[in-house]
């Protein structure tokens, strides 16, 4: 049996799912590192810098999927890029939170 190759696994191929998964998992990890479930225990962690780099990598993967011609797919990728930008801003806020 021949199985199809998944583009999520192969880093040289464009994958929108990989970019979204990286960004969302980085955001979840950043919330957990900041002590999210207990709002009174929010604090910044130095490990969130690594999570910030992972979110940046996810944004780069999403940006690779942009096409040259305008289409509804292009508009959807732009919306995902704006969502990635908000994730990056939230992680920076959680890093700088005293």
PDB file of N, CA and C in Angstrom:
ATOM      1  N   UNK A   1       0.820  -1.173   0.000  1.00  0.00           N
ATOM      2  CA  UNK A   1       0.000   0.000   0.000  1.00  0.00           C
ATOM      3  C   UNK A   1       0.871   1.246   0.000  1.00  0.00           C
ATOM      4  N   UNK A   2       0.485   2.226  -0.763  1.00  0.00           N
ATOM      5  CA  UNK A   2       1.217   3.483  -0.826  1.00  0.00           C
ATOM      6  C   UNK A   2       0.409   4.543  -0.088  1.00  0.00           C
ATOM      7  N   UNK A   3       1.036   5.170   0.876  1.00  0.00           N
ATOM      8  CA  UNK A   3       0.374   6.214   1.641  1.00  0.00           C
ATOM      9  C   UNK A   3       0.794   7.575   1.106  1.00  0.00           C
ATOM     10  N   UNK A   4      -0.131   8.546   1.050  1.00  0.00           N
ATOM     11  CA  UNK A   4       0.243   9.885   0.578  1.00  0.00           C
ATOM     12  C   UNK A   4       1.126  10.590   1.600  1.00  0.00           C
ATOM     13  N   UNK A   5       2.000  11.427   1.092  1.00  0.00           N
ATOM     14  CA  UNK A   5       2.900  12.179   1.972  1.00  0.00           C
ATOM     15  C   UNK A   5       2.157  13.378   2.555  1.00  0.00           C
ATOM     16  N   UNK A   6       2.272  13.561   3.830  1.00  0.00           N
ATOM     17  CA  UNK A   6       1.628  14.694   4.484  1.00  0.00           C
ATOM     18  C   UNK A   6       2.537  15.908   4.412  1.00  0.00           C
ATOM     19  N   UNK A   7       1.980  17.056   4.045  1.00  0.00           N
ATOM     20  CA  UNK A   7       2.796  18.264   3.957  1.00  0.00           C
ATOM     21  C   UNK A   7       3.099  18.853   5.333  1.00  0.00           C
ATOM     22  N   UNK A   8       2.385  18.398   6.360  1.00  0.00           N
ATOM     23  CA  UNK A   8       2.644  18.898   7.714  1.00  0.00           C
ATOM     24  C   UNK A   8       4.013  18.427   8.205  1.00  0.00           C
ATOM     25  N   UNK A   9       4.382  17.226   7.827  1.00  0.00           N
ATOM     26  CA  UNK A   9       5.630  16.644   8.309  1.00  0.00           C
ATOM     27  C   UNK A   9       6.838  17.201   7.558  1.00  0.00           C
ATOM     28  N   UNK A  10       6.715  17.420   6.267  1.00  0.00           N
ATOM     29  CA  UNK A  10       7.834  17.840   5.434  1.00  0.00           C
ATOM     30  C   UNK A  10       8.002  19.357   5.486  1.00  0.00           C
ATOM     31  N   UNK A  11       9.122  19.800   6.008  1.00  0.00           N
ATOM     32  CA  UNK A  11       9.327  21.223   6.257  1.00  0.00           C
ATOM     33  C   UNK A  11       9.558  22.032   4.989  1.00  0.00           C
ATOM     34  N   UNK A  12       9.959  21.404   3.895  1.00  0.00           N
ATOM     35  CA  UNK A  12      10.199  22.150   2.667  1.00  0.00           C
ATOM     36  C   UNK A  12       8.917  22.504   1.929  1.00  0.00           C
ATOM     37  N   UNK A  13       7.830  21.809   2.222  1.00  0.00           N
ATOM     38  CA  UNK A  13       6.555  22.085   1.575  1.00  0.00           C
ATOM     39  C   UNK A  13       5.758  23.093   2.388  1.00  0.00           C
ATOM     40  N   UNK A  14       4.967  23.895   1.690  1.00  0.00           N
ATOM     41  CA  UNK A  14       4.103  24.857   2.375  1.00  0.00           C
ATOM     42  C   UNK A  14       2.979  24.110   3.084  1.00  0.00           C
ATOM     43  N   UNK A  15       2.654  24.544   4.297  1.00  0.00           N
ATOM     44  CA  UNK A  15       1.570  23.913   5.035  1.00  0.00           C
ATOM     45  C   UNK A  15       0.903  24.956   5.926  1.00  0.00           C
ATOM     46  N   UNK A  16      -0.331  25.265   5.604  1.00  0.00           N
ATOM     47  CA  UNK A  16      -1.085  26.216   6.404  1.00  0.00           C
ATOM     48  C   UNK A  16      -1.451  25.611   7.760  1.00  0.00           C
ATOM     49  N   UNK A  17      -1.728  24.321   7.763  1.00  0.00           N
ATOM     50  CA  UNK A  17      -2.074  23.652   9.023  1.00  0.00           C
ATOM     51  C   UNK A  17      -0.907  23.660  10.002  1.00  0.00           C
ATOM     52  N   UNK A  18       0.318  23.505   9.500  1.00  0.00           N
ATOM     53  CA  UNK A  18       1.495  23.519  10.367  1.00  0.00           C
ATOM     54  C   UNK A  18       1.679  24.900  10.992  1.00  0.00           C
ATOM     55  N   UNK A  19       1.473  25.958  10.217  1.00  0.00           N
ATOM     56  CA  UNK A  19       1.614  27.310  10.747  1.00  0.00           C
ATOM     57  C   UNK A  19       0.590  27.623  11.816  1.00  0.00           C
ATOM     58  N   UNK A  20      -0.649  27.236  11.560  1.00  0.00           N
ATOM     59  CA  UNK A  20      -1.711  27.485  12.547  1.00  0.00           C
ATOM     60  C   UNK A  20      -1.487  26.656  13.800  1.00  0.00           C
ATOM     61  N   UNK A  21      -1.092  25.401  13.622  1.00  0.00           N
ATOM     62  CA  UNK A  21      -0.853  24.540  14.786  1.00  0.00           C
ATOM     63  C   UNK A  21       0.315  25.051  15.629  1.00  0.00           C
ATOM     64  N   UNK A  22       1.368  25.521  14.990  1.00  0.00           N
ATOM     65  CA  UNK A  22       2.503  26.079  15.735  1.00  0.00           C
ATOM     66  C   UNK A  22       2.092  27.311  16.537  1.00  0.00           C
ATOM     67  N   UNK A  23       1.341  28.197  15.908  1.00  0.00           N
ATOM     68  CA  UNK A  23       0.943  29.427  16.585  1.00  0.00           C
ATOM     69  C   UNK A  23       0.000  29.160  17.751  1.00  0.00           C
ATOM     70  N   UNK A  24      -0.983  28.302  17.536  1.00  0.00           N
ATOM     71  CA  UNK A  24      -1.933  28.021  18.610  1.00  0.00           C
ATOM     72  C   UNK A  24      -1.295  27.248  19.759  1.00  0.00           C
ATOM     73  N   UNK A  25      -0.412  26.314  19.441  1.00  0.00           N
ATOM     74  CA  UNK A  25       0.258  25.587  20.525  1.00  0.00           C
ATOM     75  C   UNK A  25       1.232  26.490  21.278  1.00  0.00           C
ATOM     76  N   UNK A  26       1.864  27.427  20.576  1.00  0.00           N
ATOM     77  CA  UNK A  26       2.746  28.378  21.256  1.00  0.00           C
ATOM     78  C   UNK A  26       1.945  29.285  22.178  1.00  0.00           C
ATOM     79  N   UNK A  27       0.769  29.697  21.741  1.00  0.00           N
ATOM     80  CA  UNK A  27      -0.081  30.541  22.592  1.00  0.00           C
ATOM     81  C   UNK A  27      -0.549  29.780  23.824  1.00  0.00           C
ATOM     82  N   UNK A  28      -0.952  28.531  23.643  1.00  0.00           N
ATOM     83  CA  UNK A  28      -1.387  27.724  24.785  1.00  0.00           C
ATOM     84  C   UNK A  28      -0.230  27.483  25.758  1.00  0.00           C
ATOM     85  N   UNK A  29       0.955  27.226  25.227  1.00  0.00           N
ATOM     86  CA  UNK A  29       2.118  27.014  26.093  1.00  0.00           C
ATOM     87  C   UNK A  29       2.487  28.298  26.835  1.00  0.00           C
ATOM     88  N   UNK A  30       2.352  29.433  26.166  1.00  0.00           N
ATOM     89  CA  UNK A  30       2.671  30.699  26.812  1.00  0.00           C
ATOM     90  C   UNK A  30       1.697  31.000  27.949  1.00  0.00           C
ATOM     91  N   UNK A  31       0.430  30.717  27.717  1.00  0.00           N
ATOM     92  CA  UNK A  31      -0.548  30.908  28.789  1.00  0.00           C
ATOM     93  C   UNK A  31      -0.245  29.993  29.970  1.00  0.00           C
ATOM     94  N   UNK A  32       0.113  28.770  29.682  1.00  0.00           N
ATOM     95  CA  UNK A  32       0.411  27.821  30.758  1.00  0.00           C
ATOM     96  C   UNK A  32       1.679  28.214  31.510  1.00  0.00           C
ATOM     97  N   UNK A  33       2.696  28.702  30.789  1.00  0.00           N
ATOM     98  CA  UNK A  33       3.928  29.139  31.452  1.00  0.00           C
ATOM     99  C   UNK A  33       3.701  30.369  32.324  1.00  0.00           C
ATOM    100  N   UNK A  34       2.723  31.186  31.956  1.00  0.00           N
ATOM    101  CA  UNK A  34       2.442  32.384  32.736  1.00  0.00           C
ATOM    102  C   UNK A  34       1.578  32.092  33.951  1.00  0.00           C
ATOM    103  N   UNK A  35       1.126  30.836  34.105  1.00  0.00           N
ATOM    104  CA  UNK A  35       0.298  30.482  35.248  1.00  0.00           C
ATOM    105  C   UNK A  35      -1.150  30.830  35.028  1.00  0.00           C
ATOM    106  N   UNK A  36      -1.673  30.585  33.851  1.00  0.00           N
ATOM    107  CA  UNK A  36      -2.990  31.060  33.447  1.00  0.00           C
ATOM    108  C   UNK A  36      -4.164  30.602  34.300  1.00  0.00           C
ATOM    109  N   UNK A  37      -4.318  29.350  34.655  1.00  0.00           N
ATOM    110  CA  UNK A  37      -5.573  29.003  35.330  1.00  0.00           C
ATOM    111  C   UNK A  37      -5.819  29.806  36.601  1.00  0.00           C
ATOM    112  N   UNK A  38      -4.758  30.252  37.256  1.00  0.00           N
ATOM    113  CA  UNK A  38      -4.906  31.025  38.487  1.00  0.00           C
ATOM    114  C   UNK A  38      -4.523  32.469  38.173  1.00  0.00           C
ATOM    115  N   UNK A  39      -5.507  33.322  38.001  1.00  0.00           N
ATOM    116  CA  UNK A  39      -5.286  34.689  37.542  1.00  0.00           C
ATOM    117  C   UNK A  39      -4.457  35.499  38.538  1.00  0.00           C
ATOM    118  N   UNK A  40      -4.493  35.147  39.808  1.00  0.00           N
ATOM    119  CA  UNK A  40      -3.720  35.903  40.789  1.00  0.00           C
ATOM    120  C   UNK A  40      -2.245  35.526  40.765  1.00  0.00           C
ATOM    121  N   UNK A  41      -1.888  34.433  40.099  1.00  0.00           N
ATOM    122  CA  UNK A  41      -0.501  33.982  40.030  1.00  0.00           C
ATOM    123  C   UNK A  41       0.162  34.273  38.685  1.00  0.00           C
ATOM    124  N   UNK A  42      -0.359  35.212  37.913  1.00  0.00           N
ATOM    125  CA  UNK A  42       0.242  35.520  36.611  1.00  0.00           C
ATOM    126  C   UNK A  42       1.641  36.093  36.815  1.00  0.00           C
ATOM    127  N   UNK A  43       2.582  35.605  36.033  1.00  0.00           N
ATOM    128  CA  UNK A  43       3.966  36.056  36.126  1.00  0.00           C
ATOM    129  C   UNK A  43       4.642  35.824  34.779  1.00  0.00           C
ATOM    130  N   UNK A  44       5.707  36.555  34.544  1.00  0.00           N
ATOM    131  CA  UNK A  44       6.488  36.366  33.330  1.00  0.00           C
ATOM    132  C   UNK A  44       7.510  35.259  33.526  1.00  0.00           C
ATOM    133  N   UNK A  45       7.807  34.524  32.469  1.00  0.00           N
ATOM    134  CA  UNK A  45       8.781  33.447  32.534  1.00  0.00           C
ATOM    135  C   UNK A  45       9.794  33.632  31.412  1.00  0.00           C
ATOM    136  N   UNK A  46      11.040  33.303  31.701  1.00  0.00           N
ATOM    137  CA  UNK A  46      12.081  33.422  30.680  1.00  0.00           C
ATOM    138  C   UNK A  46      11.929  32.368  29.594  1.00  0.00           C
ATOM    139  N   UNK A  47      11.237  31.283  29.877  1.00  0.00           N
ATOM    140  CA  UNK A  47      11.013  30.239  28.875  1.00  0.00           C
ATOM    141  C   UNK A  47      10.036  30.683  27.795  1.00  0.00           C
ATOM    142  N   UNK A  48       9.334  31.756  28.036  1.00  0.00           N
ATOM    143  CA  UNK A  48       8.376  32.243  27.039  1.00  0.00           C
ATOM    144  C   UNK A  48       9.073  32.838  25.822  1.00  0.00           C
ATOM    145  N   UNK A  49      10.353  33.116  25.923  1.00  0.00           N
ATOM    146  CA  UNK A  49      11.114  33.577  24.754  1.00  0.00           C
ATOM    147  C   UNK A  49      11.157  32.460  23.706  1.00  0.00           C
ATOM    148  N   UNK A  50      11.338  31.217  24.152  1.00  0.00           N
ATOM    149  CA  UNK A  50      11.336  30.075  23.240  1.00  0.00           C
ATOM    150  C   UNK A  50       9.965  29.930  22.581  1.00  0.00           C
ATOM    151  N   UNK A  51       8.928  30.133  23.378  1.00  0.00           N
ATOM    152  CA  UNK A  51       7.564  30.054  22.857  1.00  0.00           C
ATOM    153  C   UNK A  51       7.315  31.184  21.859  1.00  0.00           C
ATOM    154  N   UNK A  52       7.883  32.353  22.124  1.00  0.00           N
ATOM    155  CA  UNK A  52       7.765  33.480  21.201  1.00  0.00           C
ATOM    156  C   UNK A  52       8.427  33.158  19.857  1.00  0.00           C
ATOM    157  N   UNK A  53       9.564  32.489  19.887  1.00  0.00           N
ATOM    158  CA  UNK A  53      10.227  32.077  18.650  1.00  0.00           C
ATOM    159  C   UNK A  53       9.398  31.047  17.890  1.00  0.00           C
ATOM    160  N   UNK A  54       8.760  30.134  18.616  1.00  0.00           N
ATOM    161  CA  UNK A  54       7.897  29.136  17.964  1.00  0.00           C
ATOM    162  C   UNK A  54       6.692  29.807  17.316  1.00  0.00           C
ATOM    163  N   UNK A  55       6.131  30.821  17.971  1.00  0.00           N
ATOM    164  CA  UNK A  55       5.005  31.548  17.380  1.00  0.00           C
ATOM    165  C   UNK A  55       5.453  32.333  16.150  1.00  0.00           C
ATOM    166  N   UNK A  56       6.661  32.877  16.188  1.00  0.00           N
ATOM    167  CA  UNK A  56       7.201  33.560  15.012  1.00  0.00           C
ATOM    168  C   UNK A  56       7.421  32.601  13.854  1.00  0.00           C
ATOM    169  N   UNK A  57       7.884  31.384  14.170  1.00  0.00           N
ATOM    170  CA  UNK A  57       8.052  30.372  13.138  1.00  0.00           C
ATOM    171  C   UNK A  57       6.694  29.989  12.539  1.00  0.00           C
ATOM    172  N   UNK A  58       5.670  29.893  13.383  1.00  0.00           N
ATOM    173  CA  UNK A  58       4.322  29.602  12.894  1.00  0.00           C
ATOM    174  C   UNK A  58       3.795  30.707  11.990  1.00  0.00           C
ATOM    175  N   UNK A  59       4.099  31.945  12.330  1.00  0.00           N
ATOM    176  CA  UNK A  59       3.677  33.062  11.487  1.00  0.00           C
ATOM    177  C   UNK A  59       4.417  33.027  10.148  1.00  0.00           C
ATOM    178  N   UNK A  60       5.691  32.663  10.183  1.00  0.00           N
ATOM    179  CA  UNK A  60       6.443  32.526   8.942  1.00  0.00           C
ATOM    180  C   UNK A  60       5.898  31.416   8.060  1.00  0.00           C
ATOM    181  N   UNK A  61       5.512  30.306   8.667  1.00  0.00           N
ATOM    182  CA  UNK A  61       4.918  29.210   7.903  1.00  0.00           C
ATOM    183  C   UNK A  61       3.593  29.635   7.282  1.00  0.00           C
ATOM    184  N   UNK A  62       2.812  30.423   8.013  1.00  0.00           N
ATOM    185  CA  UNK A  62       1.555  30.912   7.463  1.00  0.00           C
ATOM    186  C   UNK A  62       1.815  31.889   6.325  1.00  0.00           C
ATOM    187  N   UNK A  63       2.818  32.727   6.467  1.00  0.00           N
ATOM    188  CA  UNK A  63       3.134  33.708   5.428  1.00  0.00           C
ATOM    189  C   UNK A  63       3.643  33.045   4.153  1.00  0.00           C
ATOM    190  N   UNK A  64       4.259  31.886   4.271  1.00  0.00           N
ATOM    191  CA  UNK A  64       4.719  31.163   3.074  1.00  0.00           C
ATOM    192  C   UNK A  64       3.564  30.737   2.188  1.00  0.00           C
ATOM    193  N   UNK A  65       2.359  30.624   2.737  1.00  0.00           N
ATOM    194  CA  UNK A  65       1.209  30.129   1.983  1.00  0.00           C
ATOM    195  C   UNK A  65       0.499  31.217   1.193  1.00  0.00           C
ATOM    196  N   UNK A  66       0.957  32.464   1.288  1.00  0.00           N
ATOM    197  CA  UNK A  66       0.335  33.533   0.506  1.00  0.00           C
ATOM    198  C   UNK A  66       0.584  33.313  -0.980  1.00  0.00           C
ATOM    199  N   UNK A  67      -0.434  33.573  -1.771  1.00  0.00           N
ATOM    200  CA  UNK A  67      -0.277  33.456  -3.219  1.00  0.00           C
ATOM    201  C   UNK A  67      -0.066  34.840  -3.821  1.00  0.00           C
ATOM    202  N   UNK A  68       0.383  34.879  -5.054  1.00  0.00           N
ATOM    203  CA  UNK A  68       0.651  36.163  -5.699  1.00  0.00           C
ATOM    204  C   UNK A  68      -0.627  36.838  -6.188  1.00  0.00           C
ATOM    205  N   UNK A  69      -1.611  36.041  -6.559  1.00  0.00           N
ATOM    206  CA  UNK A  69      -2.862  36.596  -7.061  1.00  0.00           C
ATOM    207  C   UNK A  69      -3.880  36.685  -5.933  1.00  0.00           C
ATOM    208  N   UNK A  70      -4.688  37.718  -5.980  1.00  0.00           N
ATOM    209  CA  UNK A  70      -5.707  37.914  -4.969  1.00  0.00           C
ATOM    210  C   UNK A  70      -6.835  36.909  -5.159  1.00  0.00           C
ATOM    211  N   UNK A  71      -7.243  36.263  -4.077  1.00  0.00           N
ATOM    212  CA  UNK A  71      -8.364  35.331  -4.090  1.00  0.00           C
ATOM    213  C   UNK A  71      -8.923  35.256  -2.671  1.00  0.00           C
ATOM    214  N   UNK A  72      -9.987  34.495  -2.495  1.00  0.00           N
ATOM    215  CA  UNK A  72     -10.528  34.333  -1.150  1.00  0.00           C
ATOM    216  C   UNK A  72      -9.562  33.539  -0.260  1.00  0.00           C
ATOM    217  N   UNK A  73      -8.797  32.638  -0.852  1.00  0.00           N
ATOM    218  CA  UNK A  73      -7.772  31.916  -0.098  1.00  0.00           C
ATOM    219  C   UNK A  73      -6.711  32.893   0.420  1.00  0.00           C
ATOM    220  N   UNK A  74      -6.314  33.826  -0.429  1.00  0.00           N
ATOM    221  CA  UNK A  74      -5.340  34.844  -0.041  1.00  0.00           C
ATOM    222  C   UNK A  74      -5.887  35.685   1.114  1.00  0.00           C
ATOM    223  N   UNK A  75      -7.163  36.037   1.047  1.00  0.00           N
ATOM    224  CA  UNK A  75      -7.783  36.817   2.124  1.00  0.00           C
ATOM    225  C   UNK A  75      -7.836  36.017   3.422  1.00  0.00           C
ATOM    226  N   UNK A  76      -8.102  34.724   3.334  1.00  0.00           N
ATOM    227  CA  UNK A  76      -8.113  33.880   4.526  1.00  0.00           C
ATOM    228  C   UNK A  76      -6.742  33.763   5.160  1.00  0.00           C
ATOM    229  N   UNK A  77      -5.720  33.660   4.324  1.00  0.00           N
ATOM    230  CA  UNK A  77      -4.353  33.592   4.857  1.00  0.00           C
ATOM    231  C   UNK A  77      -3.980  34.914   5.523  1.00  0.00           C
ATOM    232  N   UNK A  78      -4.425  36.030   4.947  1.00  0.00           N
ATOM    233  CA  UNK A  78      -4.171  37.334   5.582  1.00  0.00           C
ATOM    234  C   UNK A  78      -4.850  37.431   6.946  1.00  0.00           C
ATOM    235  N   UNK A  79      -6.071  36.911   7.055  1.00  0.00           N
ATOM    236  CA  UNK A  79      -6.751  36.906   8.358  1.00  0.00           C
ATOM    237  C   UNK A  79      -5.985  36.046   9.366  1.00  0.00           C
ATOM    238  N   UNK A  80      -5.464  34.920   8.915  1.00  0.00           N
ATOM    239  CA  UNK A  80      -4.669  34.081   9.815  1.00  0.00           C
ATOM    240  C   UNK A  80      -3.371  34.774  10.224  1.00  0.00           C
ATOM    241  N   UNK A  81      -2.791  35.560   9.314  1.00  0.00           N
ATOM    242  CA  UNK A  81      -1.585  36.321   9.668  1.00  0.00           C
ATOM    243  C   UNK A  81      -1.888  37.377  10.724  1.00  0.00           C
ATOM    244  N   UNK A  82      -3.043  38.020  10.610  1.00  0.00           N
ATOM    245  CA  UNK A  82      -3.434  38.994  11.641  1.00  0.00           C
ATOM    246  C   UNK A  82      -3.664  38.296  12.976  1.00  0.00           C
ATOM    247  N   UNK A  83      -4.242  37.105  12.951  1.00  0.00           N
ATOM    248  CA  UNK A  83      -4.434  36.343  14.186  1.00  0.00           C
ATOM    249  C   UNK A  83      -3.076  35.956  14.787  1.00  0.00           C
ATOM    250  N   UNK A  84      -2.127  35.572  13.939  1.00  0.00           N
ATOM    251  CA  UNK A  84      -0.772  35.261  14.422  1.00  0.00           C
ATOM    252  C   UNK A  84      -0.105  36.489  15.032  1.00  0.00           C
ATOM    253  N   UNK A  85      -0.339  37.640  14.434  1.00  0.00           N
ATOM    254  CA  UNK A  85       0.210  38.878  14.981  1.00  0.00           C
ATOM    255  C   UNK A  85      -0.371  39.173  16.364  1.00  0.00           C
ATOM    256  N   UNK A  86      -1.662  38.907  16.558  1.00  0.00           N
ATOM    257  CA  UNK A  86      -2.267  39.098  17.877  1.00  0.00           C
ATOM    258  C   UNK A  86      -1.711  38.103  18.885  1.00  0.00           C
ATOM    259  N   UNK A  87      -1.434  36.879  18.437  1.00  0.00           N
ATOM    260  CA  UNK A  87      -0.830  35.878  19.324  1.00  0.00           C
ATOM    261  C   UNK A  87       0.560  36.330  19.752  1.00  0.00           C
ATOM    262  N   UNK A  88       1.342  36.843  18.802  1.00  0.00           N
ATOM    263  CA  UNK A  88       2.678  37.347  19.144  1.00  0.00           C
ATOM    264  C   UNK A  88       2.595  38.507  20.140  1.00  0.00           C
ATOM    265  N   UNK A  89       1.650  39.411  19.937  1.00  0.00           N
ATOM    266  CA  UNK A  89       1.494  40.549  20.859  1.00  0.00           C
ATOM    267  C   UNK A  89       1.091  40.071  22.250  1.00  0.00           C
ATOM    268  N   UNK A  90       0.239  39.069  22.324  1.00  0.00           N
ATOM    269  CA  UNK A  90      -0.182  38.558  23.624  1.00  0.00           C
ATOM    270  C   UNK A  90       0.964  37.858  24.344  1.00  0.00           C
ATOM    271  N   UNK A  91       1.794  37.141  23.599  1.00  0.00           N
ATOM    272  CA  UNK A  91       2.944  36.474  24.220  1.00  0.00           C
ATOM    273  C   UNK A  91       3.944  37.510  24.733  1.00  0.00           C
ATOM    274  N   UNK A  92       4.172  38.572  23.963  1.00  0.00           N
ATOM    275  CA  UNK A  92       5.073  39.646  24.417  1.00  0.00           C
ATOM    276  C   UNK A  92       4.516  40.297  25.672  1.00  0.00           C
ATOM    277  N   UNK A  93       3.197  40.489  25.719  1.00  0.00           N
ATOM    278  CA  UNK A  93       2.580  41.059  26.907  1.00  0.00           C
ATOM    279  C   UNK A  93       2.766  40.136  28.114  1.00  0.00           C
ATOM    280  N   UNK A  94       2.618  38.828  27.914  1.00  0.00           N
ATOM    281  CA  UNK A  94       2.784  37.893  29.026  1.00  0.00           C
ATOM    282  C   UNK A  94       4.235  37.777  29.482  1.00  0.00           C
ATOM    283  N   UNK A  95       5.185  37.985  28.547  1.00  0.00           N
ATOM    284  CA  UNK A  95       6.591  37.971  28.934  1.00  0.00           C
ATOM    285  C   UNK A  95       6.911  39.197  29.778  1.00  0.00           C
ATOM    286  N   UNK A  96       6.370  40.343  29.395  1.00  0.00           N
ATOM    287  CA  UNK A  96       6.686  41.590  30.072  1.00  0.00           C
ATOM    288  C   UNK A  96       5.842  41.809  31.320  1.00  0.00           C
ATOM    289  N   UNK A  97       4.880  40.943  31.574  1.00  0.00           N
ATOM    290  CA  UNK A  97       4.008  41.109  32.735  1.00  0.00           C
ATOM    291  C   UNK A  97       4.817  40.879  34.010  1.00  0.00           C
ATOM    292  N   UNK A  98       4.763  41.830  34.948  1.00  0.00           N
ATOM    293  CA  UNK A  98       5.586  41.678  36.170  1.00  0.00           C
ATOM    294  C   UNK A  98       5.124  40.594  37.095  1.00  0.00           C
TER     295      UNK A  98
END
